[in-house]
Amino acid sequence: MKRGNVEVICGEGLGKTSLALGKGLSALMEHKRVIMIQFLKGCSPKDEQEILERLEPDFKVFRFEKSNTFFEELSEEEKAEELINIRNGFNFARKVAATGECDVLILDEVLGIIDQNIITLEDVEKLLEVKEEDLNLVMTGKVFPEKLKPYVDAISRIEYIQNLQD
């Protein structure tokens, strides 16, 4: 069986999640099962949820956060509660990676939860070490930790270029 890839989509520019969704849709067209777990996005808007639910059961999207606000904008008390939810989401990601529940696992903004010290780099390394061999894994976030480079097959960097008309 073909070895699964690990791909990272990172950078300051917009479009990391859109690119990851596109990769998921491409896999769906190849009759593969896709799970996307989103972090640091807050609770998804109802219309967005309804659109993504149309792709089920072969493309499932999970958000464990309960707040409608971005993590950075929460009070310290709200952050403490959301930390539990985010860690639960990451534990679910570990289970999915290890058990082969899907063909493609997208961990949207997982690099952000490393950057914000919600999980450790070692937590992600452990996930990468136990992932099913044929699982394709896509990770997104602004900052790519170089220590993960040995685990990664491809890196796409999204760059923000200032309005060139100025």
C-alpha atoms as a PDB file:
ATOM      1  CA  MET A   1       0.000   0.000   0.000  1.00  0.00           C
ATOM      2  CA  LYS A   2       1.187   3.538  -0.773  1.00  0.00           C
ATOM      3  CA  ARG A   3       2.746   5.462   2.095  1.00  0.00           C
ATOM      4  CA  GLY A   4       0.714   8.468   3.164  1.00  0.00           C
ATOM      5  CA  ASN A   5       2.138  11.959   2.912  1.00  0.00           C
ATOM      6  CA  VAL A   6       2.452  14.704   5.477  1.00  0.00           C
ATOM      7  CA  GLU A   7       1.924  18.148   4.003  1.00  0.00           C
ATOM      8  CA  VAL A   8       2.126  21.538   5.670  1.00  0.00           C
ATOM      9  CA  ILE A   9       0.406  24.714   4.473  1.00  0.00           C
ATOM     10  CA  CYS A  10       1.812  27.694   6.342  1.00  0.00           C
ATOM     11  CA  GLY A  11       2.540  31.408   6.157  1.00  0.00           C
ATOM     12  CA  GLU A  12       1.127  34.831   6.945  1.00  0.00           C
ATOM     13  CA  GLY A  13      -1.070  34.994   3.856  1.00  0.00           C
ATOM     14  CA  LEU A  14      -4.754  34.140   3.610  1.00  0.00           C
ATOM     15  CA  GLY A  15      -5.973  30.928   2.010  1.00  0.00           C
ATOM     16  CA  LYS A  16      -4.406  28.150   4.083  1.00  0.00           C
ATOM     17  CA  THR A  17      -7.768  26.727   5.137  1.00  0.00           C
ATOM     18  CA  SER A  18      -9.175  27.130   1.620  1.00  0.00           C
ATOM     19  CA  LEU A  19      -6.224  25.235   0.151  1.00  0.00           C
ATOM     20  CA  ALA A  20      -6.635  22.486   2.755  1.00  0.00           C
ATOM     21  CA  LEU A  21     -10.369  22.252   1.975  1.00  0.00           C
ATOM     22  CA  GLY A  22      -9.495  21.988  -1.718  1.00  0.00           C
ATOM     23  CA  LYS A  23      -7.163  19.092  -0.983  1.00  0.00           C
ATOM     24  CA  GLY A  24      -9.970  17.448   0.966  1.00  0.00           C
ATOM     25  CA  LEU A  25     -12.423  17.922  -1.899  1.00  0.00           C
ATOM     26  CA  SER A  26      -9.898  16.440  -4.353  1.00  0.00           C
ATOM     27  CA  ALA A  27      -9.577  13.393  -2.107  1.00  0.00           C
ATOM     28  CA  LEU A  28     -13.364  13.162  -1.897  1.00  0.00           C
ATOM     29  CA  MET A  29     -13.532  13.027  -5.708  1.00  0.00           C
ATOM     30  CA  GLU A  30     -11.174  10.036  -5.515  1.00  0.00           C
ATOM     31  CA  HIS A  31     -13.711   8.324  -3.200  1.00  0.00           C
ATOM     32  CA  LYS A  32     -11.549   8.830  -0.118  1.00  0.00           C
ATOM     33  CA  ARG A  33     -12.801   9.569   3.375  1.00  0.00           C
ATOM     34  CA  VAL A  34     -11.748  12.930   4.803  1.00  0.00           C
ATOM     35  CA  ILE A  35     -11.813  14.294   8.338  1.00  0.00           C
ATOM     36  CA  MET A  36     -10.976  17.926   9.014  1.00  0.00           C
ATOM     37  CA  ILE A  37     -10.440  19.112  12.580  1.00  0.00           C
ATOM     38  CA  GLN A  38     -10.286  22.880  12.982  1.00  0.00           C
ATOM     39  CA  PHE A  39      -8.580  24.712  15.820  1.00  0.00           C
ATOM     40  CA  LEU A  40      -8.614  28.389  16.866  1.00  0.00           C
ATOM     41  CA  LYS A  41     -11.546  29.179  14.580  1.00  0.00           C
ATOM     42  CA  GLY A  42     -14.264  29.439  17.206  1.00  0.00           C
ATOM     43  CA  CYS A  43     -17.655  27.871  16.652  1.00  0.00           C
ATOM     44  CA  SER A  44     -18.583  27.628  12.975  1.00  0.00           C
ATOM     45  CA  PRO A  45     -21.395  29.811  11.592  1.00  0.00           C
ATOM     46  CA  LYS A  46     -24.663  27.949  10.910  1.00  0.00           C
ATOM     47  CA  ASP A  47     -24.605  28.488   7.130  1.00  0.00           C
ATOM     48  CA  GLU A  48     -21.015  27.247   6.911  1.00  0.00           C
ATOM     49  CA  GLN A  49     -21.940  24.156   8.955  1.00  0.00           C
ATOM     50  CA  GLU A  50     -24.897  23.409   6.669  1.00  0.00           C
ATOM     51  CA  ILE A  51     -22.734  23.542   3.538  1.00  0.00           C
ATOM     52  CA  LEU A  52     -20.063  21.283   5.008  1.00  0.00           C
ATOM     53  CA  GLU A  53     -22.686  18.841   6.329  1.00  0.00           C
ATOM     54  CA  ARG A  54     -23.755  18.203   2.720  1.00  0.00           C
ATOM     55  CA  LEU A  55     -20.407  16.493   2.176  1.00  0.00           C
ATOM     56  CA  GLU A  56     -21.013  13.938   4.921  1.00  0.00           C
ATOM     57  CA  PRO A  57     -20.516  11.077   5.529  1.00  0.00           C
ATOM     58  CA  ASP A  58     -17.313  11.006   3.461  1.00  0.00           C
ATOM     59  CA  PHE A  59     -16.049  14.497   4.453  1.00  0.00           C
ATOM     60  CA  LYS A  60     -16.535  15.397   8.102  1.00  0.00           C
ATOM     61  CA  VAL A  61     -15.525  18.659   9.768  1.00  0.00           C
ATOM     62  CA  PHE A  62     -15.098  18.939  13.537  1.00  0.00           C
ATOM     63  CA  ARG A  63     -14.653  21.970  15.772  1.00  0.00           C
ATOM     64  CA  PHE A  64     -14.384  21.372  19.487  1.00  0.00           C
ATOM     65  CA  GLU A  65     -14.398  25.010  20.530  1.00  0.00           C
ATOM     66  CA  LYS A  66     -17.683  26.366  21.840  1.00  0.00           C
ATOM     67  CA  SER A  67     -17.106  30.133  21.631  1.00  0.00           C
ATOM     68  CA  ASN A  68     -18.117  32.188  18.597  1.00  0.00           C
ATOM     69  CA  THR A  69     -15.039  34.371  19.153  1.00  0.00           C
ATOM     70  CA  PHE A  70     -11.440  33.778  18.092  1.00  0.00           C
ATOM     71  CA  PHE A  71      -9.287  32.347  20.890  1.00  0.00           C
ATOM     72  CA  GLU A  72      -7.047  35.421  21.076  1.00  0.00           C
ATOM     73  CA  GLU A  73     -10.067  37.647  21.824  1.00  0.00           C
ATOM     74  CA  LEU A  74     -11.376  35.586  24.776  1.00  0.00           C
ATOM     75  CA  SER A  75     -11.087  36.540  28.441  1.00  0.00           C
ATOM     76  CA  GLU A  76      -8.686  34.491  30.566  1.00  0.00           C
ATOM     77  CA  GLU A  77     -11.612  32.560  32.057  1.00  0.00           C
ATOM     78  CA  GLU A  78     -13.038  31.786  28.616  1.00  0.00           C
ATOM     79  CA  LYS A  79      -9.582  30.766  27.374  1.00  0.00           C
ATOM     80  CA  ALA A  80      -9.220  28.294  30.236  1.00  0.00           C
ATOM     81  CA  GLU A  81     -12.484  26.630  29.208  1.00  0.00           C
ATOM     82  CA  GLU A  82     -11.571  26.595  25.519  1.00  0.00           C
ATOM     83  CA  LEU A  83      -8.136  25.100  26.282  1.00  0.00           C
ATOM     84  CA  ILE A  84      -9.929  21.981  27.483  1.00  0.00           C
ATOM     85  CA  ASN A  85     -12.006  21.862  24.298  1.00  0.00           C
ATOM     86  CA  ILE A  86      -8.955  22.384  22.061  1.00  0.00           C
ATOM     87  CA  ARG A  87      -7.010  19.656  23.837  1.00  0.00           C
ATOM     88  CA  ASN A  88     -10.014  17.334  23.454  1.00  0.00           C
ATOM     89  CA  GLY A  89      -9.945  18.118  19.731  1.00  0.00           C
ATOM     90  CA  PHE A  90      -6.247  17.306  19.533  1.00  0.00           C
ATOM     91  CA  ASN A  91      -6.776  14.033  21.417  1.00  0.00           C
ATOM     92  CA  PHE A  92      -9.484  13.160  18.892  1.00  0.00           C
ATOM     93  CA  ALA A  93      -7.007  13.961  16.089  1.00  0.00           C
ATOM     94  CA  ARG A  94      -4.493  11.559  17.652  1.00  0.00           C
ATOM     95  CA  LYS A  95      -7.116   8.815  17.773  1.00  0.00           C
ATOM     96  CA  VAL A  96      -8.120   9.391  14.131  1.00  0.00           C
ATOM     97  CA  ALA A  97      -4.475   9.408  13.008  1.00  0.00           C
ATOM     98  CA  ALA A  98      -3.694   6.176  14.834  1.00  0.00           C
ATOM     99  CA  THR A  99      -6.811   4.203  13.890  1.00  0.00           C
ATOM    100  CA  GLY A 100      -7.147   4.997  10.185  1.00  0.00           C
ATOM    101  CA  GLU A 101     -10.737   6.260  10.409  1.00  0.00           C
ATOM    102  CA  CYS A 102     -10.115   8.250   7.238  1.00  0.00           C
ATOM    103  CA  ASP A 103      -7.784   8.448   4.246  1.00  0.00           C
ATOM    104  CA  VAL A 104      -7.044  12.173   4.615  1.00  0.00           C
ATOM    105  CA  LEU A 105      -6.808  13.999   7.935  1.00  0.00           C
ATOM    106  CA  ILE A 106      -6.682  17.789   7.837  1.00  0.00           C
ATOM    107  CA  LEU A 107      -5.573  19.508  11.037  1.00  0.00           C
ATOM    108  CA  ASP A 108      -6.477  23.106  10.330  1.00  0.00           C
ATOM    109  CA  GLU A 109      -4.486  25.601  12.432  1.00  0.00           C
ATOM    110  CA  VAL A 110      -2.770  22.852  14.428  1.00  0.00           C
ATOM    111  CA  LEU A 111       0.472  24.812  14.027  1.00  0.00           C
ATOM    112  CA  GLY A 112      -1.284  27.727  15.732  1.00  0.00           C
ATOM    113  CA  ILE A 113      -2.033  25.702  18.837  1.00  0.00           C
ATOM    114  CA  ILE A 114       1.667  24.819  19.012  1.00  0.00           C
ATOM    115  CA  ASP A 115       2.598  28.479  18.544  1.00  0.00           C
ATOM    116  CA  GLN A 116       0.225  29.491  21.359  1.00  0.00           C
ATOM    117  CA  ASN A 117       1.620  26.795  23.698  1.00  0.00           C
ATOM    118  CA  ILE A 118      -1.704  24.974  23.940  1.00  0.00           C
ATOM    119  CA  ILE A 119      -0.019  21.733  22.895  1.00  0.00           C
ATOM    120  CA  THR A 120       3.677  20.989  22.597  1.00  0.00           C
ATOM    121  CA  LEU A 121       5.782  20.259  19.572  1.00  0.00           C
ATOM    122  CA  GLU A 122       6.361  16.843  21.124  1.00  0.00           C
ATOM    123  CA  ASP A 123       2.595  16.214  21.112  1.00  0.00           C
ATOM    124  CA  VAL A 124       2.547  16.706  17.331  1.00  0.00           C
ATOM    125  CA  GLU A 125       5.683  14.585  16.882  1.00  0.00           C
ATOM    126  CA  LYS A 126       3.972  11.743  18.772  1.00  0.00           C
ATOM    127  CA  LEU A 127       0.900  12.059  16.525  1.00  0.00           C
ATOM    128  CA  LEU A 128       3.119  11.900  13.442  1.00  0.00           C
ATOM    129  CA  GLU A 129       4.949   8.854  14.779  1.00  0.00           C
ATOM    130  CA  VAL A 130       1.765   6.846  15.450  1.00  0.00           C
ATOM    131  CA  LYS A 131      -0.241   7.866  12.378  1.00  0.00           C
ATOM    132  CA  GLU A 132      -1.418   5.091  10.107  1.00  0.00           C
ATOM    133  CA  GLU A 133       1.179   4.511   7.419  1.00  0.00           C
ATOM    134  CA  ASP A 134      -1.145   5.181   4.474  1.00  0.00           C
ATOM    135  CA  LEU A 135      -2.892   8.221   6.015  1.00  0.00           C
ATOM    136  CA  ASN A 136      -2.425  11.520   4.190  1.00  0.00           C
ATOM    137  CA  LEU A 137      -2.092  14.308   6.735  1.00  0.00           C
ATOM    138  CA  VAL A 138      -2.430  18.035   6.027  1.00  0.00           C
ATOM    139  CA  MET A 139      -1.478  20.555   8.728  1.00  0.00           C
ATOM    140  CA  THR A 140      -2.016  24.307   8.503  1.00  0.00           C
ATOM    141  CA  GLY A 141      -0.954  27.366  10.480  1.00  0.00           C
ATOM    142  CA  LYS A 142       1.071  30.541  10.215  1.00  0.00           C
ATOM    143  CA  VAL A 143       4.359  29.399  11.756  1.00  0.00           C
ATOM    144  CA  PHE A 144       6.042  26.133  10.765  1.00  0.00           C
ATOM    145  CA  PRO A 145       8.395  24.766  13.456  1.00  0.00           C
ATOM    146  CA  GLU A 146      11.561  23.583  11.697  1.00  0.00           C
ATOM    147  CA  LYS A 147      11.841  20.690  14.169  1.00  0.00           C
ATOM    148  CA  LEU A 148       8.927  19.018  12.325  1.00  0.00           C
ATOM    149  CA  LYS A 149      10.756  19.065   8.980  1.00  0.00           C
ATOM    150  CA  PRO A 150      11.939  15.408   9.176  1.00  0.00           C
ATOM    151  CA  TYR A 151       8.288  14.272   9.327  1.00  0.00           C
ATOM    152  CA  VAL A 152       7.052  16.381   6.412  1.00  0.00           C
ATOM    153  CA  ASP A 153       6.971  15.480   2.711  1.00  0.00           C
ATOM    154  CA  ALA A 154       5.897  18.876   1.334  1.00  0.00           C
ATOM    155  CA  ILE A 155       5.563  22.445   2.557  1.00  0.00           C
ATOM    156  CA  SER A 156       3.434  25.087   0.842  1.00  0.00           C
ATOM    157  CA  ARG A 157       4.059  28.635   2.037  1.00  0.00           C
ATOM    158  CA  ILE A 158       1.274  31.179   1.555  1.00  0.00           C
ATOM    159  CA  GLU A 159       2.709  34.666   1.348  1.00  0.00           C
ATOM    160  CA  TYR A 160       0.938  37.987   1.792  1.00  0.00           C
ATOM    161  CA  ILE A 161       2.024  40.502  -0.807  1.00  0.00           C
ATOM    162  CA  GLN A 162       1.056  44.080  -0.113  1.00  0.00           C
ATOM    163  CA  ASN A 163      -1.317  45.765  -2.551  1.00  0.00           C
ATOM    164  CA  LEU A 164       1.016  46.382  -5.494  1.00  0.00           C
ATOM    165  CA  GLN A 165      -0.971  49.426  -6.666  1.00  0.00           C
ATOM    166  CA  ASP A 166       0.330  51.554  -3.773  1.00  0.00           C
END
